[in-house]
Amino acid sequence: MSSVPTDRSYTPRRRLSREDRLRQLLDMSWRVIRDEGTDALTLGRLAERAGVTKPVVYDHFGTREGLLTALYRDFDARQTATMTAALEAGAPTAADRARIIAACYVDCVAAQGREIPGVLAALAGSPELAALKRDYQRAFLETCRQLLGPFAPGGDLPAAGLWAMLGAADALSDAAVAGDLTPEEAQAELRRILLALIERGTGDDQPS
C-alpha cells in the first residue's frame, strides 16, 4: 500500500536552487545577528536556524569570515540597487541627485541598524575585507563623480572632497542609527555637503 499522502492539499517540498538557498542563508544570517548579535553567528548556528545541514552552509561560505564577507557584499548590493532605482525615477538635476544619494545612503545604513557595524567589527583586521571595502568605496565615489561632476565648475569633483564627503556620510548615518540625529537631519546635512562639493568643483583641488 502506498504511503504517499492522499490529501490533495499536500505539496512535495521543493528543493531550492543554489541561488535561492544562498538568499535564504543570507536572510537568516541577518536575522541571527538582529536577534542574537554578531558573535552568535557561526556556520553551525546558521545551519541550525536555517534548518539545513552544516555541509550546506560550508559549501556556500567555507568559513565564518567568508560568511561575514558575503553579508557585506549583500549589504552593498542592496544599497547600490536602491540608489540606482531611485535615481532612475528622479529628475536629472544636481539638487535631486544630491537628495537621492543622501537619502539612499542614510536609509540603507539605518535599515540595517546595528547589524552591518557588527559585521565590520567582526571582520576588523581582515585584509580581504579591507580591500573589498575600499573597492566598494571607490565605486561609490566614482558613481557620485559621474552623477554630480557635470554640474560642477570644471565638470568634475575634487578627489579629496569626495573622500571627505564619504567620511561625513558614514558619520551622519551612524549618528542616525544611534539616535543622535534623526534620519531626516542626517540626510539634509549630507545633501548640503554634496551640493557644496558641486559648487566647489575642481577649483579648490589644487594646492595653493
Protein backbone atom coordinates (compact mmCIF):
# COMPACT_ATOMS: atom_id res chain seq x y z
CA MET A 1 0.00 0.00 0.00
CA SER A 2 1.36 3.39 -0.96
CA SER A 3 2.45 5.72 1.84
CA VAL A 4 2.00 8.86 -0.27
CA PRO A 5 -0.49 11.21 1.42
CA THR A 6 -3.92 11.26 -0.20
CA ASP A 7 -4.70 14.82 0.94
CA ARG A 8 -4.96 16.86 -2.24
CA SER A 9 -3.53 19.89 -0.44
CA TYR A 10 -0.21 18.07 0.02
CA THR A 11 2.64 19.65 -1.94
CA PRO A 12 6.03 17.95 -2.17
CA ARG A 13 8.82 20.00 -0.65
CA ARG A 14 10.62 21.90 -3.41
CA ARG A 15 14.40 21.74 -3.48
CA LEU A 16 15.85 25.24 -3.54
CA SER A 17 18.19 26.27 -6.31
CA ARG A 18 21.69 27.26 -5.25
CA GLU A 19 20.84 30.93 -5.74
CA ASP A 20 17.64 30.68 -3.70
CA ARG A 21 19.45 28.76 -0.97
CA LEU A 22 22.11 31.46 -0.79
CA ARG A 23 19.42 34.11 -0.46
CA GLN A 24 17.77 32.13 2.33
CA LEU A 25 21.05 31.74 4.21
CA LEU A 26 21.93 35.41 3.89
CA ASP A 27 18.48 36.49 5.10
CA MET A 28 18.71 34.10 8.04
CA SER A 29 22.20 35.37 8.86
CA TRP A 30 20.91 38.93 9.14
CA ARG A 31 18.11 37.64 11.37
CA VAL A 32 20.55 35.84 13.66
CA ILE A 33 22.62 39.00 14.03
CA ARG A 34 19.48 41.02 14.75
CA ASP A 35 18.16 38.53 17.29
CA GLU A 36 21.33 37.26 18.94
CA GLY A 37 24.22 39.53 17.96
CA THR A 38 27.12 39.09 15.56
CA ASP A 39 29.12 36.90 17.95
CA ALA A 40 26.34 34.30 17.83
CA LEU A 41 26.58 33.95 14.07
CA THR A 42 28.60 30.83 13.35
CA LEU A 43 28.22 28.44 10.45
CA GLY A 44 26.78 25.85 12.82
CA ARG A 45 24.26 28.27 14.30
CA LEU A 46 23.23 29.41 10.83
CA ALA A 47 22.64 25.81 9.75
CA GLU A 48 20.51 25.24 12.83
CA ARG A 49 18.40 28.36 12.33
CA ALA A 50 18.02 27.77 8.59
CA GLY A 51 17.07 24.11 9.03
CA VAL A 52 19.85 22.76 6.83
CA THR A 53 22.89 20.59 7.41
CA LYS A 54 26.29 22.11 8.17
CA PRO A 55 27.80 20.93 4.86
CA VAL A 56 25.25 23.07 3.00
CA VAL A 57 26.40 26.20 4.83
CA TYR A 58 30.08 25.32 4.48
CA ASP A 59 29.57 24.76 0.76
CA HIS A 60 28.29 28.32 0.34
CA PHE A 61 30.68 30.21 2.61
CA GLY A 62 33.61 27.99 3.59
CA THR A 63 34.45 29.88 6.77
CA ARG A 64 32.84 32.33 9.17
CA GLU A 65 34.92 35.09 7.59
CA GLY A 66 33.56 34.04 4.21
CA LEU A 67 30.02 34.33 5.57
CA LEU A 68 30.62 37.78 7.03
CA THR A 69 32.23 38.96 3.80
CA ALA A 70 29.20 37.67 1.86
CA LEU A 71 26.96 39.70 4.18
CA TYR A 72 28.96 42.84 3.47
CA ARG A 73 28.67 42.17 -0.28
CA ASP A 74 24.93 41.68 0.17
CA PHE A 75 24.58 44.97 2.02
CA ASP A 76 26.50 46.86 -0.67
CA ALA A 77 24.49 45.25 -3.47
CA ARG A 78 21.18 46.26 -1.89
CA GLN A 79 22.46 49.78 -1.25
CA THR A 80 23.52 50.10 -4.89
CA ALA A 81 20.23 48.70 -6.22
CA THR A 82 18.17 51.04 -4.05
CA MET A 83 20.10 54.11 -5.18
CA THR A 84 20.04 53.09 -8.84
CA ALA A 85 16.26 52.65 -8.83
CA ALA A 86 15.71 55.98 -7.06
CA LEU A 87 18.00 57.82 -9.48
CA GLU A 88 16.21 56.36 -12.49
CA ALA A 89 12.91 57.65 -11.10
CA GLY A 90 14.28 61.06 -10.09
CA ALA A 91 14.91 64.26 -12.00
CA PRO A 92 18.29 64.71 -13.75
CA THR A 93 19.20 67.80 -11.71
CA ALA A 94 22.03 68.41 -9.26
CA ALA A 95 19.62 69.11 -6.41
CA ASP A 96 17.55 65.96 -6.94
CA ARG A 97 20.55 63.72 -7.45
CA ALA A 98 22.18 65.05 -4.28
CA ARG A 99 18.93 64.49 -2.39
CA ILE A 100 18.60 60.91 -3.65
CA ILE A 101 22.22 59.98 -2.91
CA ALA A 102 21.95 61.38 0.61
CA ALA A 103 18.59 59.74 1.33
CA CYS A 104 19.58 56.32 -0.01
CA TYR A 105 22.91 56.26 1.82
CA VAL A 106 21.43 57.13 5.20
CA ASP A 107 18.33 54.97 4.72
CA CYS A 108 20.31 51.87 3.77
CA VAL A 109 22.55 52.14 6.83
CA ALA A 110 19.56 52.89 9.05
CA ALA A 111 17.61 49.93 7.63
CA GLN A 112 20.46 47.61 8.54
CA GLY A 113 20.52 49.09 12.04
CA ARG A 114 23.44 47.91 14.13
CA GLU A 115 23.89 44.77 12.06
CA ILE A 116 26.38 46.00 9.46
CA PRO A 117 28.66 47.68 12.06
CA GLY A 118 28.75 44.35 13.88
CA VAL A 119 29.77 42.58 10.68
CA LEU A 120 32.51 45.12 10.01
CA ALA A 121 33.77 44.90 13.58
CA ALA A 122 33.90 41.10 13.36
CA LEU A 123 35.94 41.37 10.18
CA ALA A 124 38.29 44.03 11.53
CA GLY A 125 41.84 43.23 10.55
CA SER A 126 40.82 41.08 7.59
CA PRO A 127 42.96 42.08 4.57
CA GLU A 128 40.32 40.66 2.24
CA LEU A 129 37.59 42.82 3.74
CA ALA A 130 39.81 45.91 3.78
CA ALA A 131 40.44 45.50 0.05
CA LEU A 132 36.77 44.75 -0.65
CA LYS A 133 35.56 47.72 1.34
CA ARG A 134 38.00 50.07 -0.41
CA ASP A 135 36.86 48.79 -3.81
CA TYR A 136 33.23 49.45 -2.92
CA GLN A 137 34.10 52.90 -1.58
CA ARG A 138 35.92 53.80 -4.78
CA ALA A 139 32.98 52.55 -6.85
CA PHE A 140 30.53 54.67 -4.84
CA LEU A 141 32.70 57.78 -5.16
CA GLU A 142 33.05 57.21 -8.90
CA THR A 143 29.26 56.97 -9.16
CA CYS A 144 28.92 60.28 -7.29
CA ARG A 145 31.54 61.86 -9.54
CA GLN A 146 29.75 60.75 -12.70
CA LEU A 147 26.33 61.84 -11.46
CA LEU A 148 27.28 65.17 -9.93
CA GLY A 149 30.51 66.18 -11.68
CA PRO A 150 28.83 67.53 -14.84
CA PHE A 151 27.06 70.17 -12.72
CA ALA A 152 30.31 71.42 -11.13
CA PRO A 153 32.67 74.15 -12.34
CA GLY A 154 35.24 72.43 -14.50
CA GLY A 155 32.90 69.46 -14.96
CA ASP A 156 34.37 67.35 -12.17
CA LEU A 157 34.57 66.95 -8.39
CA PRO A 158 37.74 67.11 -6.25
CA ALA A 159 39.00 63.72 -5.13
CA ALA A 160 39.82 64.95 -1.63
CA GLY A 161 36.35 66.42 -1.32
CA LEU A 162 34.74 63.15 -2.36
CA TRP A 163 36.63 61.20 0.32
CA ALA A 164 35.74 63.84 2.90
CA MET A 165 32.08 63.55 1.87
CA LEU A 166 32.21 59.77 2.31
CA GLY A 167 33.58 60.14 5.83
CA ALA A 168 30.77 62.57 6.63
CA ALA A 169 28.20 60.19 5.11
CA ASP A 170 29.34 57.35 7.37
CA ALA A 171 29.44 59.58 10.45
CA LEU A 172 25.98 61.04 9.80
CA SER A 173 24.48 57.61 9.10
CA ASP A 174 25.99 56.17 12.28
CA ALA A 175 24.60 59.12 14.26
CA ALA A 176 21.15 58.46 12.82
CA VAL A 177 21.34 54.77 13.77
CA ALA A 178 22.47 55.68 17.31
CA GLY A 179 19.62 58.17 17.67
CA ASP A 180 21.85 61.23 17.98
CA LEU A 181 20.28 62.59 14.80
CA THR A 182 17.03 61.84 13.04
CA PRO A 183 17.39 60.24 9.60
CA GLU A 184 15.94 63.42 8.12
CA GLU A 185 18.60 65.56 9.80
CA ALA A 186 21.37 63.26 8.61
CA GLN A 187 20.03 63.23 5.06
CA ALA A 188 19.64 67.00 4.94
CA GLU A 189 23.20 67.60 6.14
CA LEU A 190 24.66 65.10 3.68
CA ARG A 191 22.67 66.72 0.87
CA ARG A 192 24.14 70.11 1.81
CA ILE A 193 27.65 68.63 1.80
CA LEU A 194 27.08 67.17 -1.67
CA LEU A 195 25.73 70.45 -3.03
CA ALA A 196 28.68 72.35 -1.55
CA LEU A 197 31.04 69.87 -3.20
CA ILE A 198 29.35 70.51 -6.54
CA GLU A 199 29.70 74.27 -6.10
CA ARG A 200 33.43 73.88 -5.46
CA GLY A 201 34.06 71.75 -8.50
CA THR A 202 37.73 71.10 -9.13
CA GLY A 203 38.75 74.68 -8.44
CA ASP A 204 39.93 74.08 -4.87
CA ASP A 205 41.56 70.70 -5.52
CA GLN A 206 44.95 72.14 -6.35
CA PRO A 207 47.41 73.22 -3.63
CA SER A 208 47.95 76.94 -3.34
